[in-house]
Amino acid sequence: MTAVKAGEIEGLIRRGPDPRIPVILVFGPDTGLVTERARKLAEDFVDDPADPFALVRIDGDALAADPGRLCDEAGTMGLFGGRRSIWVRPGTRNYAPAVEAVLGATVADARIVVEAGDLAKSNPLRTLCERSPKALAIPCYADDERTLSDLIERTLQERGLRIDRAAREVLARSLGGDRRASLMEIEKLALYAAGEGDKIVTLEHVEAVTSDVAASVLNTLIDAAFDGRRDAVERDYRRFRHEGLDPGVVLGSALRHALTLLTTRLDNPEKTPAMMVATWRGLHFKRRASIEGQLGAWPPGTLRQAVAALQEGVLACRRAEPDLAHALASAALLRVAEAGARRRR
């Protein structure tokens, strides 16, 4: 088995996998973390990631239409020699046969990084990579508080900043679920603190940068969607767009919320919604009734469907132009609202 254990992943990414293993599958529900790790694994293997002959990107659907292309790319020499990376981006069609073919071939000086979504244990691509000695399978799940604290410290240190303990704890509780959204919030915080001329990020900085978004826009919008209030979603999304925020941020936050609801339901099968809501950290008292209602209305199976839809929305927004991304994000939230309304009838 070559599935990488969760506690070993960060160390593996930092030092780099064995170059003799040609295929690395990166998958999981945290689409931001999947993309971040896939990018790092693909770029770190080559001398110049900006060289299109050294780092080749292939769309999964294009690969499904031409399975032999992956072997061809893996066997192609770079224009100036050296190692090559082939980065396979997510698709909607099955391209496991292409990966199976390259696992059966002789590959030298090439790394194939396959970026995928949340694959079930029985998924052909995941099964193939987990069973092959020539592949690694790296799962990407939502960051826990410890991982988020490390991410905050590391990201701020790279920008010459430190963060005090209280600020780090509050920030970590407000992040998670999607690595890309978390990094955007940390980057925004770093820019704000640097603009203030400070070298140490404090609780005041965190509250100034994150509380307005979390309380006045994102939480209100997300709760409206999961409460099944379609009109409120349409109204609040217009406000969200007027604020100039990235549509990927709101879908990442909605995805994090759906995952938290799902985890809470699965971890507390015998508890009432009122008892479950007591397990939530950092929940504002004004949201308690709404969250309690959501825990009662959304069963695990329907929440899994919402998670899948939001994951697809995050990926679609990342690929789209800004205007289309807003339309896609709004549509995804309205689908959640429609499902929420049906659950409450």
C-alpha atoms as a PDB file:
ATOM      1  CA  MET A   1       0.000   0.000   0.000  1.00  0.00           C
ATOM      2  CA  THR A   2       1.308   3.475  -0.869  1.00  0.00           C
ATOM      3  CA  ALA A   3      -1.410   5.609   0.695  1.00  0.00           C
ATOM      4  CA  VAL A   4       0.321   8.287   2.757  1.00  0.00           C
ATOM      5  CA  LYS A   5      -0.799   8.677   6.370  1.00  0.00           C
ATOM      6  CA  ALA A   6      -2.139  12.111   7.373  1.00  0.00           C
ATOM      7  CA  GLY A   7       0.609  12.752   9.947  1.00  0.00           C
ATOM      8  CA  GLU A   8       3.344  12.091   7.387  1.00  0.00           C
ATOM      9  CA  ILE A   9       2.092  14.303   4.581  1.00  0.00           C
ATOM     10  CA  GLU A  10       3.563  17.698   5.515  1.00  0.00           C
ATOM     11  CA  GLY A  11       7.027  16.205   6.037  1.00  0.00           C
ATOM     12  CA  LEU A  12       6.789  14.336   2.749  1.00  0.00           C
ATOM     13  CA  ILE A  13       5.797  17.482   0.872  1.00  0.00           C
ATOM     14  CA  ARG A  14       8.648  19.520   2.397  1.00  0.00           C
ATOM     15  CA  ARG A  15      11.441  17.040   1.680  1.00  0.00           C
ATOM     16  CA  GLY A  16       9.941  15.781  -1.577  1.00  0.00           C
ATOM     17  CA  PRO A  17       8.782  12.248  -2.439  1.00  0.00           C
ATOM     18  CA  ASP A  18      11.152   9.603  -3.768  1.00  0.00           C
ATOM     19  CA  PRO A  19      11.957  10.708  -7.363  1.00  0.00           C
ATOM     20  CA  ARG A  20      11.822   7.049  -8.412  1.00  0.00           C
ATOM     21  CA  ILE A  21       8.049   7.042  -7.795  1.00  0.00           C
ATOM     22  CA  PRO A  22       6.600   8.543 -10.993  1.00  0.00           C
ATOM     23  CA  VAL A  23       2.913   9.009 -10.111  1.00  0.00           C
ATOM     24  CA  ILE A  24       1.479  11.022  -7.218  1.00  0.00           C
ATOM     25  CA  LEU A  25      -2.279  11.227  -6.718  1.00  0.00           C
ATOM     26  CA  VAL A  26      -3.446  14.199  -4.630  1.00  0.00           C
ATOM     27  CA  PHE A  27      -7.126  14.055  -3.690  1.00  0.00           C
ATOM     28  CA  GLY A  28      -9.684  14.938  -0.999  1.00  0.00           C
ATOM     29  CA  PRO A  29     -12.540  17.247  -0.019  1.00  0.00           C
ATOM     30  CA  ASP A  30     -10.306  20.294   0.652  1.00  0.00           C
ATOM     31  CA  THR A  31      -9.958  21.519  -2.922  1.00  0.00           C
ATOM     32  CA  GLY A  32      -7.708  24.417  -1.947  1.00  0.00           C
ATOM     33  CA  LEU A  33      -5.270  22.118  -0.160  1.00  0.00           C
ATOM     34  CA  VAL A  34      -5.381  19.605  -3.026  1.00  0.00           C
ATOM     35  CA  THR A  35      -4.394  22.302  -5.517  1.00  0.00           C
ATOM     36  CA  GLU A  36      -1.710  23.765  -3.256  1.00  0.00           C
ATOM     37  CA  ARG A  37      -0.035  20.403  -2.702  1.00  0.00           C
ATOM     38  CA  ALA A  38      -0.356  19.359  -6.341  1.00  0.00           C
ATOM     39  CA  ARG A  39       1.203  22.633  -7.476  1.00  0.00           C
ATOM     40  CA  LYS A  40       4.119  22.319  -5.051  1.00  0.00           C
ATOM     41  CA  LEU A  41       4.803  18.690  -5.980  1.00  0.00           C
ATOM     42  CA  ALA A  42       4.721  19.506  -9.689  1.00  0.00           C
ATOM     43  CA  GLU A  43       6.792  22.698  -9.503  1.00  0.00           C
ATOM     44  CA  ASP A  44       9.428  21.492  -7.040  1.00  0.00           C
ATOM     45  CA  PHE A  45      10.450  18.598  -9.279  1.00  0.00           C
ATOM     46  CA  VAL A  46      11.652  20.810 -12.145  1.00  0.00           C
ATOM     47  CA  ASP A  47      14.295  23.523 -12.410  1.00  0.00           C
ATOM     48  CA  ASP A  48      12.033  26.148 -13.991  1.00  0.00           C
ATOM     49  CA  PRO A  49       8.261  25.805 -13.401  1.00  0.00           C
ATOM     50  CA  ALA A  50       7.662  28.664 -15.854  1.00  0.00           C
ATOM     51  CA  ASP A  51       9.122  26.561 -18.688  1.00  0.00           C
ATOM     52  CA  PRO A  52       6.133  24.961 -20.500  1.00  0.00           C
ATOM     53  CA  PHE A  53       8.418  22.149 -21.706  1.00  0.00           C
ATOM     54  CA  ALA A  54       9.439  21.346 -18.120  1.00  0.00           C
ATOM     55  CA  LEU A  55       5.977  21.635 -16.508  1.00  0.00           C
ATOM     56  CA  VAL A  56       3.141  20.360 -18.677  1.00  0.00           C
ATOM     57  CA  ARG A  57      -0.492  20.843 -17.618  1.00  0.00           C
ATOM     58  CA  ILE A  58      -3.140  18.458 -18.924  1.00  0.00           C
ATOM     59  CA  ASP A  59      -6.883  18.680 -18.303  1.00  0.00           C
ATOM     60  CA  GLY A  60      -8.385  15.419 -17.039  1.00  0.00           C
ATOM     61  CA  ASP A  61     -11.147  15.415 -19.652  1.00  0.00           C
ATOM     62  CA  ALA A  62      -8.609  15.862 -22.460  1.00  0.00           C
ATOM     63  CA  LEU A  63      -6.665  12.921 -21.043  1.00  0.00           C
ATOM     64  CA  ALA A  64      -9.802  10.766 -20.931  1.00  0.00           C
ATOM     65  CA  ALA A  65     -10.295  11.443 -24.643  1.00  0.00           C
ATOM     66  CA  ASP A  66      -6.668  10.543 -25.423  1.00  0.00           C
ATOM     67  CA  PRO A  67      -5.382   8.078 -22.776  1.00  0.00           C
ATOM     68  CA  GLY A  68      -2.106   7.485 -24.608  1.00  0.00           C
ATOM     69  CA  ARG A  69      -1.065  11.119 -24.227  1.00  0.00           C
ATOM     70  CA  LEU A  70       0.104  10.643 -20.632  1.00  0.00           C
ATOM     71  CA  CYS A  71       2.632   7.956 -21.612  1.00  0.00           C
ATOM     72  CA  ASP A  72       3.751  10.101 -24.537  1.00  0.00           C
ATOM     73  CA  GLU A  73       4.311  13.141 -22.307  1.00  0.00           C
ATOM     74  CA  ALA A  74       6.094  11.072 -19.641  1.00  0.00           C
ATOM     75  CA  GLY A  75       8.478   9.697 -22.256  1.00  0.00           C
ATOM     76  CA  THR A  76       9.204  13.038 -23.930  1.00  0.00           C
ATOM     77  CA  MET A  77      12.544  14.741 -23.301  1.00  0.00           C
ATOM     78  CA  GLY A  78      12.559  18.416 -22.344  1.00  0.00           C
ATOM     79  CA  LEU A  79      13.771  20.943 -24.887  1.00  0.00           C
ATOM     80  CA  PHE A  80      16.966  21.505 -22.892  1.00  0.00           C
ATOM     81  CA  GLY A  81      16.999  18.172 -21.055  1.00  0.00           C
ATOM     82  CA  GLY A  82      16.418  17.902 -17.320  1.00  0.00           C
ATOM     83  CA  ARG A  83      13.442  16.570 -15.370  1.00  0.00           C
ATOM     84  CA  ARG A  84       9.812  17.139 -16.339  1.00  0.00           C
ATOM     85  CA  SER A  85       6.505  17.324 -14.473  1.00  0.00           C
ATOM     86  CA  ILE A  86       3.111  16.479 -15.909  1.00  0.00           C
ATOM     87  CA  TRP A  87       0.323  18.038 -13.857  1.00  0.00           C
ATOM     88  CA  VAL A  88      -3.075  16.443 -14.540  1.00  0.00           C
ATOM     89  CA  ARG A  89      -5.887  18.781 -13.518  1.00  0.00           C
ATOM     90  CA  PRO A  90      -9.329  17.524 -12.353  1.00  0.00           C
ATOM     91  CA  GLY A  91     -11.887  16.439 -14.908  1.00  0.00           C
ATOM     92  CA  THR A  92     -15.394  15.012 -15.024  1.00  0.00           C
ATOM     93  CA  ARG A  93     -14.525  11.914 -17.093  1.00  0.00           C
ATOM     94  CA  ASN A  94     -12.676   8.753 -16.127  1.00  0.00           C
ATOM     95  CA  TYR A  95      -8.995   8.934 -17.032  1.00  0.00           C
ATOM     96  CA  ALA A  96      -7.858   6.039 -14.807  1.00  0.00           C
ATOM     97  CA  PRO A  97      -6.876   3.993 -17.929  1.00  0.00           C
ATOM     98  CA  ALA A  98      -4.302   6.649 -18.823  1.00  0.00           C
ATOM     99  CA  VAL A  99      -2.802   6.486 -15.318  1.00  0.00           C
ATOM    100  CA  GLU A 100      -2.838   2.688 -15.400  1.00  0.00           C
ATOM    101  CA  ALA A 101      -0.932   2.731 -18.682  1.00  0.00           C
ATOM    102  CA  VAL A 102       1.794   5.028 -17.384  1.00  0.00           C
ATOM    103  CA  LEU A 103       2.165   2.901 -14.233  1.00  0.00           C
ATOM    104  CA  GLY A 104       2.905  -0.034 -16.524  1.00  0.00           C
ATOM    105  CA  ALA A 105       5.513   1.888 -18.508  1.00  0.00           C
ATOM    106  CA  THR A 106       9.118   2.781 -17.749  1.00  0.00           C
ATOM    107  CA  VAL A 107       9.279   6.428 -16.660  1.00  0.00           C
ATOM    108  CA  ALA A 108      12.572   8.252 -16.049  1.00  0.00           C
ATOM    109  CA  ASP A 109      13.164  11.880 -15.011  1.00  0.00           C
ATOM    110  CA  ALA A 110       9.432  12.634 -14.958  1.00  0.00           C
ATOM    111  CA  ARG A 111       6.818  13.101 -12.259  1.00  0.00           C
ATOM    112  CA  ILE A 112       3.096  12.785 -12.956  1.00  0.00           C
ATOM    113  CA  VAL A 113       0.998  14.690 -10.401  1.00  0.00           C
ATOM    114  CA  VAL A 114      -2.694  13.828 -10.615  1.00  0.00           C
ATOM    115  CA  GLU A 115      -5.012  16.353  -8.941  1.00  0.00           C
ATOM    116  CA  ALA A 116      -8.442  14.968  -8.102  1.00  0.00           C
ATOM    117  CA  GLY A 117     -11.498  15.646  -5.965  1.00  0.00           C
ATOM    118  CA  ASP A 118     -12.941  13.705  -3.033  1.00  0.00           C
ATOM    119  CA  LEU A 119     -12.527  10.115  -4.240  1.00  0.00           C
ATOM    120  CA  ALA A 120     -14.348   7.229  -2.578  1.00  0.00           C
ATOM    121  CA  LYS A 121     -12.255   4.256  -1.457  1.00  0.00           C
ATOM    122  CA  SER A 122     -13.662   2.243  -4.358  1.00  0.00           C
ATOM    123  CA  ASN A 123     -12.848   4.879  -6.982  1.00  0.00           C
ATOM    124  CA  PRO A 124     -10.773   3.243  -9.764  1.00  0.00           C
ATOM    125  CA  LEU A 125      -8.160   6.004  -9.802  1.00  0.00           C
ATOM    126  CA  ARG A 126      -7.653   5.936  -6.034  1.00  0.00           C
ATOM    127  CA  THR A 127      -7.587   2.133  -5.894  1.00  0.00           C
ATOM    128  CA  LEU A 128      -5.082   2.001  -8.729  1.00  0.00           C
ATOM    129  CA  CYS A 129      -2.642   4.421  -7.068  1.00  0.00           C
ATOM    130  CA  GLU A 130      -2.994   3.015  -3.561  1.00  0.00           C
ATOM    131  CA  ARG A 131      -2.178  -0.488  -4.772  1.00  0.00           C
ATOM    132  CA  SER A 132       0.731   0.362  -7.064  1.00  0.00           C
ATOM    133  CA  PRO A 133       4.329   0.491  -5.753  1.00  0.00           C
ATOM    134  CA  LYS A 134       5.003   3.108  -8.437  1.00  0.00           C
ATOM    135  CA  ALA A 135       2.469   5.615  -7.076  1.00  0.00           C
ATOM    136  CA  LEU A 136       1.671   7.611  -3.957  1.00  0.00           C
ATOM    137  CA  ALA A 137      -1.837   8.567  -2.870  1.00  0.00           C
ATOM    138  CA  ILE A 138      -1.956  11.730  -0.755  1.00  0.00           C
ATOM    139  CA  PRO A 139      -5.330  12.580   0.870  1.00  0.00           C
ATOM    140  CA  CYS A 140      -6.199  16.200   1.684  1.00  0.00           C
ATOM    141  CA  TYR A 141      -8.749  16.722   4.438  1.00  0.00           C
ATOM    142  CA  ALA A 142      -9.822  19.878   6.236  1.00  0.00           C
ATOM    143  CA  ASP A 143      -7.106  21.404   8.413  1.00  0.00           C
ATOM    144  CA  ASP A 144      -7.477  20.934  12.154  1.00  0.00           C
ATOM    145  CA  GLU A 145      -6.640  23.732  14.597  1.00  0.00           C
ATOM    146  CA  ARG A 146      -3.054  22.563  15.105  1.00  0.00           C
ATOM    147  CA  THR A 147      -2.377  22.433  11.368  1.00  0.00           C
ATOM    148  CA  LEU A 148      -3.973  25.840  10.912  1.00  0.00           C
ATOM    149  CA  SER A 149      -1.789  27.309  13.667  1.00  0.00           C
ATOM    150  CA  ASP A 150       1.307  25.981  11.900  1.00  0.00           C
ATOM    151  CA  LEU A 151       0.055  27.348   8.582  1.00  0.00           C
ATOM    152  CA  ILE A 152      -0.550  30.786  10.124  1.00  0.00           C
ATOM    153  CA  GLU A 153       2.904  30.883  11.746  1.00  0.00           C
ATOM    154  CA  ARG A 154       4.698  29.698   8.601  1.00  0.00           C
ATOM    155  CA  THR A 155       2.864  31.996   6.189  1.00  0.00           C
ATOM    156  CA  LEU A 156       3.386  35.097   8.336  1.00  0.00           C
ATOM    157  CA  GLN A 157       7.058  34.259   8.982  1.00  0.00           C
ATOM    158  CA  GLU A 158       7.646  34.141   5.234  1.00  0.00           C
ATOM    159  CA  ARG A 159       6.499  37.767   5.173  1.00  0.00           C
ATOM    160  CA  GLY A 160       8.650  38.839   8.093  1.00  0.00           C
ATOM    161  CA  LEU A 161       5.787  38.882  10.600  1.00  0.00           C
ATOM    162  CA  ARG A 162       5.031  37.177  13.916  1.00  0.00           C
ATOM    163  CA  ILE A 163       1.657  36.659  15.572  1.00  0.00           C
ATOM    164  CA  ASP A 164       0.846  36.644  19.264  1.00  0.00           C
ATOM    165  CA  ARG A 165      -0.829  33.640  20.858  1.00  0.00           C
ATOM    166  CA  ALA A 166      -4.303  35.120  21.381  1.00  0.00           C
ATOM    167  CA  ALA A 167      -4.475  36.369  17.804  1.00  0.00           C
ATOM    168  CA  ARG A 168      -3.322  33.003  16.430  1.00  0.00           C
ATOM    169  CA  GLU A 169      -5.920  31.076  18.425  1.00  0.00           C
ATOM    170  CA  VAL A 170      -8.802  33.313  17.320  1.00  0.00           C
ATOM    171  CA  LEU A 171      -7.662  33.274  13.693  1.00  0.00           C
ATOM    172  CA  ALA A 172      -7.263  29.483  13.665  1.00  0.00           C
ATOM    173  CA  ARG A 173     -10.834  29.048  14.952  1.00  0.00           C
ATOM    174  CA  SER A 174     -12.165  31.187  12.114  1.00  0.00           C
ATOM    175  CA  LEU A 175     -10.354  29.265   9.357  1.00  0.00           C
ATOM    176  CA  GLY A 176     -10.358  25.707   8.045  1.00  0.00           C
ATOM    177  CA  GLY A 177     -12.328  23.603   5.568  1.00  0.00           C
ATOM    178  CA  ASP A 178     -10.552  24.998   2.493  1.00  0.00           C
ATOM    179  CA  ARG A 179      -6.816  25.716   2.411  1.00  0.00           C
ATOM    180  CA  ARG A 180      -7.076  28.260  -0.398  1.00  0.00           C
ATOM    181  CA  ALA A 181      -9.654  30.344   1.502  1.00  0.00           C
ATOM    182  CA  SER A 182      -7.523  30.122   4.673  1.00  0.00           C
ATOM    183  CA  LEU A 183      -4.410  31.326   2.851  1.00  0.00           C
ATOM    184  CA  MET A 184      -6.332  34.235   1.352  1.00  0.00           C
ATOM    185  CA  GLU A 185      -7.439  35.331   4.821  1.00  0.00           C
ATOM    186  CA  ILE A 186      -3.889  35.035   6.209  1.00  0.00           C
ATOM    187  CA  GLU A 187      -2.493  36.962   3.222  1.00  0.00           C
ATOM    188  CA  LYS A 188      -5.071  39.696   3.778  1.00  0.00           C
ATOM    189  CA  LEU A 189      -4.108  39.874   7.443  1.00  0.00           C
ATOM    190  CA  ALA A 190      -0.400  40.090   6.561  1.00  0.00           C
ATOM    191  CA  LEU A 191      -1.027  42.964   4.153  1.00  0.00           C
ATOM    192  CA  TYR A 192      -3.084  44.823   6.742  1.00  0.00           C
ATOM    193  CA  ALA A 193      -0.485  44.428   9.521  1.00  0.00           C
ATOM    194  CA  ALA A 194       2.348  45.440   7.179  1.00  0.00           C
ATOM    195  CA  GLY A 195       0.361  48.455   6.059  1.00  0.00           C
ATOM    196  CA  GLU A 196       0.050  49.489   9.696  1.00  0.00           C
ATOM    197  CA  GLY A 197       3.834  49.244  10.020  1.00  0.00           C
ATOM    198  CA  ASP A 198       3.625  46.434  12.608  1.00  0.00           C
ATOM    199  CA  LYS A 199       5.838  43.355  12.802  1.00  0.00           C
ATOM    200  CA  ILE A 200       3.654  41.492  15.280  1.00  0.00           C
ATOM    201  CA  VAL A 201       0.082  40.562  14.346  1.00  0.00           C
ATOM    202  CA  THR A 202      -2.249  41.124  17.300  1.00  0.00           C
ATOM    203  CA  LEU A 203      -5.828  40.286  18.145  1.00  0.00           C
ATOM    204  CA  GLU A 204      -6.816  43.807  17.101  1.00  0.00           C
ATOM    205  CA  HIS A 205      -5.446  43.145  13.610  1.00  0.00           C
ATOM    206  CA  VAL A 206      -7.345  39.861  13.355  1.00  0.00           C
ATOM    207  CA  GLU A 207     -10.634  41.414  14.470  1.00  0.00           C
ATOM    208  CA  ALA A 208     -10.205  44.365  12.120  1.00  0.00           C
ATOM    209  CA  VAL A 209      -9.599  42.177   9.080  1.00  0.00           C
ATOM    210  CA  THR A 210     -11.758  39.083   9.612  1.00  0.00           C
ATOM    211  CA  SER A 211     -14.699  39.916  11.864  1.00  0.00           C
ATOM    212  CA  ASP A 212     -16.525  42.123   9.372  1.00  0.00           C
ATOM    213  CA  VAL A 213     -16.444  39.469   6.660  1.00  0.00           C
ATOM    214  CA  ALA A 214     -17.300  36.561   8.927  1.00  0.00           C
ATOM    215  CA  ALA A 215     -20.106  38.248  10.844  1.00  0.00           C
ATOM    216  CA  SER A 216     -21.738  40.682   8.450  1.00  0.00           C
ATOM    217  CA  VAL A 217     -21.439  38.890   5.120  1.00  0.00           C
ATOM    218  CA  LEU A 218     -20.322  35.279   4.955  1.00  0.00           C
ATOM    219  CA  ASN A 219     -22.090  33.808   7.976  1.00  0.00           C
ATOM    220  CA  THR A 220     -25.323  35.603   7.154  1.00  0.00           C
ATOM    221  CA  LEU A 221     -25.202  34.407   3.554  1.00  0.00           C
ATOM    222  CA  ILE A 222     -24.242  30.830   4.394  1.00  0.00           C
ATOM    223  CA  ASP A 223     -26.857  30.494   7.117  1.00  0.00           C
ATOM    224  CA  ALA A 224     -29.500  31.791   4.725  1.00  0.00           C
ATOM    225  CA  ALA A 225     -28.533  29.091   2.217  1.00  0.00           C
ATOM    226  CA  PHE A 226     -28.611  26.216   4.700  1.00  0.00           C
ATOM    227  CA  ASP A 227     -31.787  27.584   6.297  1.00  0.00           C
ATOM    228  CA  GLY A 228     -33.449  27.345   2.887  1.00  0.00           C
ATOM    229  CA  ARG A 229     -34.099  31.093   2.525  1.00  0.00           C
ATOM    230  CA  ARG A 230     -33.640  31.616  -1.217  1.00  0.00           C
ATOM    231  CA  ASP A 231     -34.683  35.308  -1.241  1.00  0.00           C
ATOM    232  CA  ALA A 232     -32.167  36.101   1.489  1.00  0.00           C
ATOM    233  CA  VAL A 233     -29.423  34.303  -0.458  1.00  0.00           C
ATOM    234  CA  GLU A 234     -30.113  36.382  -3.559  1.00  0.00           C
ATOM    235  CA  ARG A 235     -30.153  39.604  -1.524  1.00  0.00           C
ATOM    236  CA  ASP A 236     -27.088  38.834   0.564  1.00  0.00           C
ATOM    237  CA  TYR A 237     -25.067  37.602  -2.408  1.00  0.00           C
ATOM    238  CA  ARG A 238     -25.610  40.941  -4.137  1.00  0.00           C
ATOM    239  CA  ARG A 239     -24.201  42.563  -1.012  1.00  0.00           C
ATOM    240  CA  PHE A 240     -21.327  40.091  -1.017  1.00  0.00           C
ATOM    241  CA  ARG A 241     -20.487  40.973  -4.623  1.00  0.00           C
ATOM    242  CA  HIS A 242     -20.732  44.676  -3.848  1.00  0.00           C
ATOM    243  CA  GLU A 243     -18.133  44.167  -1.101  1.00  0.00           C
ATOM    244  CA  GLY A 244     -15.721  43.044  -3.829  1.00  0.00           C
ATOM    245  CA  LEU A 245     -14.912  39.676  -2.266  1.00  0.00           C
ATOM    246  CA  ASP A 246     -13.719  36.651  -4.240  1.00  0.00           C
ATOM    247  CA  PRO A 247     -16.602  34.235  -5.043  1.00  0.00           C
ATOM    248  CA  GLY A 248     -14.247  31.360  -4.237  1.00  0.00           C
ATOM    249  CA  VAL A 249     -14.021  32.632  -0.658  1.00  0.00           C
ATOM    250  CA  VAL A 250     -17.751  32.388  -0.026  1.00  0.00           C
ATOM    251  CA  LEU A 251     -18.001  28.917  -1.551  1.00  0.00           C
ATOM    252  CA  GLY A 252     -14.962  27.828   0.436  1.00  0.00           C
ATOM    253  CA  SER A 253     -16.648  29.092   3.591  1.00  0.00           C
ATOM    254  CA  ALA A 254     -19.908  27.367   2.640  1.00  0.00           C
ATOM    255  CA  LEU A 255     -17.978  24.159   2.026  1.00  0.00           C
ATOM    256  CA  ARG A 256     -16.300  24.459   5.423  1.00  0.00           C
ATOM    257  CA  HIS A 257     -19.713  24.986   7.014  1.00  0.00           C
ATOM    258  CA  ALA A 258     -21.188  21.941   5.268  1.00  0.00           C
ATOM    259  CA  LEU A 259     -18.251  19.791   6.365  1.00  0.00           C
ATOM    260  CA  THR A 260     -18.658  20.990   9.953  1.00  0.00           C
ATOM    261  CA  LEU A 261     -22.363  20.160   9.891  1.00  0.00           C
ATOM    262  CA  LEU A 262     -21.602  16.726   8.458  1.00  0.00           C
ATOM    263  CA  THR A 263     -18.843  15.986  10.979  1.00  0.00           C
ATOM    264  CA  THR A 264     -21.055  17.117  13.857  1.00  0.00           C
ATOM    265  CA  ARG A 265     -23.903  14.861  12.698  1.00  0.00           C
ATOM    266  CA  LEU A 266     -21.621  11.842  12.218  1.00  0.00           C
ATOM    267  CA  ASP A 267     -19.766  12.304  15.517  1.00  0.00           C
ATOM    268  CA  ASN A 268     -22.924  12.745  17.580  1.00  0.00           C
ATOM    269  CA  PRO A 269     -25.526  10.310  16.194  1.00  0.00           C
ATOM    270  CA  GLU A 270     -27.369   9.948  19.505  1.00  0.00           C
ATOM    271  CA  LYS A 271     -27.494  13.635  20.435  1.00  0.00           C
ATOM    272  CA  THR A 272     -30.238  16.154  19.770  1.00  0.00           C
ATOM    273  CA  PRO A 273     -29.462  19.240  17.632  1.00  0.00           C
ATOM    274  CA  ALA A 274     -29.414  21.349  20.805  1.00  0.00           C
ATOM    275  CA  MET A 275     -26.765  19.070  22.300  1.00  0.00           C
ATOM    276  CA  MET A 276     -24.790  18.987  19.035  1.00  0.00           C
ATOM    277  CA  VAL A 277     -24.634  22.751  18.681  1.00  0.00           C
ATOM    278  CA  ALA A 278     -22.960  22.951  22.073  1.00  0.00           C
ATOM    279  CA  THR A 279     -19.906  21.228  20.571  1.00  0.00           C
ATOM    280  CA  TRP A 280     -19.249  24.055  18.099  1.00  0.00           C
ATOM    281  CA  ARG A 281     -16.296  26.253  18.957  1.00  0.00           C
ATOM    282  CA  GLY A 282     -16.504  30.014  18.612  1.00  0.00           C
ATOM    283  CA  LEU A 283     -20.180  30.050  17.612  1.00  0.00           C
ATOM    284  CA  HIS A 284     -21.785  33.464  18.083  1.00  0.00           C
ATOM    285  CA  PHE A 285     -24.920  33.281  20.208  1.00  0.00           C
ATOM    286  CA  LYS A 286     -26.977  34.986  17.474  1.00  0.00           C
ATOM    287  CA  ARG A 287     -26.340  32.044  15.143  1.00  0.00           C
ATOM    288  CA  ARG A 288     -27.201  29.314  17.632  1.00  0.00           C
ATOM    289  CA  ALA A 289     -30.869  28.922  16.686  1.00  0.00           C
ATOM    290  CA  SER A 290     -30.045  28.831  12.968  1.00  0.00           C
ATOM    291  CA  ILE A 291     -27.310  26.202  13.379  1.00  0.00           C
ATOM    292  CA  GLU A 292     -29.535  24.099  15.621  1.00  0.00           C
ATOM    293  CA  GLY A 293     -32.211  24.147  12.933  1.00  0.00           C
ATOM    294  CA  GLN A 294     -29.701  23.169  10.245  1.00  0.00           C
ATOM    295  CA  LEU A 295     -28.426  20.232  12.298  1.00  0.00           C
ATOM    296  CA  GLY A 296     -31.985  19.029  12.664  1.00  0.00           C
ATOM    297  CA  ALA A 297     -32.962  19.512   9.024  1.00  0.00           C
ATOM    298  CA  TRP A 298     -29.907  18.227   7.136  1.00  0.00           C
ATOM    299  CA  PRO A 299     -29.226  14.451   7.343  1.00  0.00           C
ATOM    300  CA  PRO A 300     -25.687  13.170   6.550  1.00  0.00           C
ATOM    301  CA  GLY A 301     -26.625  11.876   3.095  1.00  0.00           C
ATOM    302  CA  THR A 302     -27.969  15.255   1.962  1.00  0.00           C
ATOM    303  CA  LEU A 303     -24.998  17.049   3.505  1.00  0.00           C
ATOM    304  CA  ARG A 304     -22.653  14.846   1.475  1.00  0.00           C
ATOM    305  CA  GLN A 305     -24.512  15.935  -1.657  1.00  0.00           C
ATOM    306  CA  ALA A 306     -24.133  19.588  -0.620  1.00  0.00           C
ATOM    307  CA  VAL A 307     -20.396  19.068   0.008  1.00  0.00           C
ATOM    308  CA  ALA A 308     -19.980  17.553  -3.466  1.00  0.00           C
ATOM    309  CA  ALA A 309     -21.920  20.408  -5.121  1.00  0.00           C
ATOM    310  CA  LEU A 310     -19.889  23.062  -3.286  1.00  0.00           C
ATOM    311  CA  GLN A 311     -16.614  21.334  -4.189  1.00  0.00           C
ATOM    312  CA  GLU A 312     -17.612  21.417  -7.837  1.00  0.00           C
ATOM    313  CA  GLY A 313     -18.543  25.083  -7.450  1.00  0.00           C
ATOM    314  CA  VAL A 314     -15.182  25.994  -5.922  1.00  0.00           C
ATOM    315  CA  LEU A 315     -13.355  24.269  -8.776  1.00  0.00           C
ATOM    316  CA  ALA A 316     -15.567  25.898 -11.429  1.00  0.00           C
ATOM    317  CA  CYS A 317     -15.039  29.366  -9.901  1.00  0.00           C
ATOM    318  CA  ARG A 318     -11.282  28.881  -9.921  1.00  0.00           C
ATOM    319  CA  ARG A 319     -11.355  28.215 -13.657  1.00  0.00           C
ATOM    320  CA  ALA A 320     -13.867  30.906 -14.646  1.00  0.00           C
ATOM    321  CA  GLU A 321     -13.616  34.606 -15.416  1.00  0.00           C
ATOM    322  CA  PRO A 322     -14.783  36.910 -12.564  1.00  0.00           C
ATOM    323  CA  ASP A 323     -18.305  37.588 -13.878  1.00  0.00           C
ATOM    324  CA  LEU A 324     -18.946  33.927 -14.613  1.00  0.00           C
ATOM    325  CA  ALA A 325     -17.424  32.935 -11.260  1.00  0.00           C
ATOM    326  CA  HIS A 326     -19.958  35.118  -9.447  1.00  0.00           C
ATOM    327  CA  ALA A 327     -22.810  33.545 -11.419  1.00  0.00           C
ATOM    328  CA  LEU A 328     -21.529  30.054 -10.619  1.00  0.00           C
ATOM    329  CA  ALA A 329     -21.123  30.825  -6.910  1.00  0.00           C
ATOM    330  CA  SER A 330     -24.586  32.346  -6.674  1.00  0.00           C
ATOM    331  CA  ALA A 331     -26.116  29.353  -8.465  1.00  0.00           C
ATOM    332  CA  ALA A 332     -24.358  26.893  -6.133  1.00  0.00           C
ATOM    333  CA  LEU A 333     -25.676  28.674  -3.042  1.00  0.00           C
ATOM    334  CA  LEU A 334     -29.188  28.839  -4.466  1.00  0.00           C
ATOM    335  CA  ARG A 335     -29.102  25.060  -5.039  1.00  0.00           C
ATOM    336  CA  VAL A 336     -28.152  24.631  -1.386  1.00  0.00           C
ATOM    337  CA  ALA A 337     -31.005  26.962  -0.388  1.00  0.00           C
ATOM    338  CA  GLU A 338     -33.485  24.957  -2.467  1.00  0.00           C
ATOM    339  CA  ALA A 339     -32.327  21.738  -0.798  1.00  0.00           C
ATOM    340  CA  GLY A 340     -32.592  23.407   2.610  1.00  0.00           C
ATOM    341  CA  ALA A 341     -36.135  24.567   1.866  1.00  0.00           C
ATOM    342  CA  ARG A 342     -37.160  21.029   0.849  1.00  0.00           C
ATOM    343  CA  ARG A 343     -35.751  19.609   4.094  1.00  0.00           C
ATOM    344  CA  ARG A 344     -37.930  21.957   6.151  1.00  0.00           C
ATOM    345  CA  ARG A 345     -41.227  21.291   4.403  1.00  0.00           C
END
